[in-house]
Amino acid sequence: MEDSHISSRYIMMEYTQKKEVKRLIKVVEEVMKSVK
């Protein structure tokens, strides 16, 4: 039971990080556009 709880928490962390990465990529793309 504990193992599944830990793994689900880990999955949530991974998901949150992926969302943050996508947001970061969007920001970087916007900056590149404005630089050009």
N, C-alpha and C. Protein backbone atom coordinates (compact mmCIF):
# COMPACT_ATOMS: atom_id res chain seq x y z
N MET A 1 0.84 -1.20 0.00
CA MET A 1 0.00 0.00 0.00
C MET A 1 0.88 1.26 0.00
N GLU A 2 1.87 1.24 0.85
CA GLU A 2 2.76 2.41 0.92
C GLU A 2 3.48 2.63 -0.41
N ASP A 3 3.91 1.54 -1.03
CA ASP A 3 4.64 1.65 -2.29
C ASP A 3 3.81 2.37 -3.35
N SER A 4 2.56 2.00 -3.46
CA SER A 4 1.71 2.61 -4.47
C SER A 4 1.49 4.10 -4.16
N HIS A 5 1.41 4.43 -2.88
CA HIS A 5 1.24 5.84 -2.50
C HIS A 5 2.47 6.64 -2.92
N ILE A 6 3.63 6.09 -2.65
CA ILE A 6 4.88 6.77 -3.01
C ILE A 6 4.98 6.93 -4.52
N SER A 7 4.67 5.88 -5.25
CA SER A 7 4.79 5.94 -6.71
C SER A 7 3.79 6.95 -7.30
N SER A 8 2.61 7.03 -6.74
CA SER A 8 1.62 8.00 -7.25
C SER A 8 2.10 9.42 -6.99
N ARG A 9 2.72 9.62 -5.84
CA ARG A 9 3.25 10.94 -5.53
C ARG A 9 4.38 11.29 -6.51
N TYR A 10 5.20 10.29 -6.80
CA TYR A 10 6.30 10.49 -7.75
C TYR A 10 5.75 10.84 -9.14
N ILE A 11 4.69 10.17 -9.53
CA ILE A 11 4.06 10.44 -10.82
C ILE A 11 3.52 11.87 -10.86
N MET A 12 2.93 12.30 -9.77
CA MET A 12 2.43 13.68 -9.71
C MET A 12 3.58 14.67 -9.85
N MET A 13 4.69 14.38 -9.19
CA MET A 13 5.85 15.27 -9.30
C MET A 13 6.33 15.34 -10.74
N GLU A 14 6.40 14.17 -11.38
CA GLU A 14 6.83 14.11 -12.77
C GLU A 14 5.88 14.93 -13.65
N TYR A 15 4.59 14.78 -13.42
CA TYR A 15 3.59 15.49 -14.21
C TYR A 15 3.75 17.00 -14.03
N THR A 16 3.93 17.42 -12.78
CA THR A 16 4.08 18.86 -12.51
C THR A 16 5.33 19.39 -13.20
N GLN A 17 6.41 18.64 -13.13
CA GLN A 17 7.65 19.08 -13.77
C GLN A 17 7.46 19.19 -15.28
N LYS A 18 6.75 18.26 -15.87
CA LYS A 18 6.52 18.31 -17.31
C LYS A 18 5.72 19.56 -17.67
N LYS A 19 4.71 19.87 -16.87
CA LYS A 19 3.92 21.07 -17.13
C LYS A 19 4.82 22.30 -17.03
N GLU A 20 5.68 22.34 -16.03
CA GLU A 20 6.58 23.48 -15.87
C GLU A 20 7.52 23.60 -17.06
N VAL A 21 8.00 22.46 -17.54
CA VAL A 21 8.91 22.48 -18.69
C VAL A 21 8.19 23.03 -19.92
N LYS A 22 6.97 22.60 -20.12
CA LYS A 22 6.21 23.10 -21.27
C LYS A 22 6.02 24.61 -21.16
N ARG A 23 5.71 25.10 -19.96
CA ARG A 23 5.52 26.53 -19.76
C ARG A 23 6.83 27.27 -20.04
N LEU A 24 7.92 26.69 -19.56
CA LEU A 24 9.23 27.31 -19.76
C LEU A 24 9.55 27.39 -21.26
N ILE A 25 9.26 26.32 -21.97
CA ILE A 25 9.52 26.29 -23.42
C ILE A 25 8.71 27.39 -24.11
N LYS A 26 7.46 27.56 -23.70
CA LYS A 26 6.62 28.60 -24.31
C LYS A 26 7.24 29.98 -24.08
N VAL A 27 7.69 30.21 -22.86
CA VAL A 27 8.30 31.51 -22.53
C VAL A 27 9.54 31.73 -23.39
N VAL A 28 10.36 30.70 -23.50
CA VAL A 28 11.59 30.81 -24.30
C VAL A 28 11.23 31.11 -25.76
N GLU A 29 10.23 30.45 -26.28
CA GLU A 29 9.83 30.69 -27.68
C GLU A 29 9.38 32.13 -27.86
N GLU A 30 8.62 32.66 -26.90
CA GLU A 30 8.16 34.04 -26.99
C GLU A 30 9.34 35.00 -26.99
N VAL A 31 10.31 34.73 -26.14
CA VAL A 31 11.49 35.59 -26.06
C VAL A 31 12.25 35.55 -27.39
N MET A 32 12.40 34.37 -27.95
CA MET A 32 13.11 34.25 -29.23
C MET A 32 12.39 35.05 -30.32
N LYS A 33 11.07 35.02 -30.31
CA LYS A 33 10.30 35.76 -31.30
C LYS A 33 10.55 37.26 -31.15
N SER A 34 10.53 37.73 -29.92
CA SER A 34 10.70 39.17 -29.69
C SER A 34 12.13 39.61 -30.00
N VAL A 35 13.09 38.69 -29.82
CA VAL A 35 14.48 39.02 -30.15
C VAL A 35 14.62 39.19 -31.66
N LYS A 36 13.99 38.33 -32.43
CA LYS A 36 14.03 38.44 -33.89
C LYS A 36 13.22 39.66 -34.30
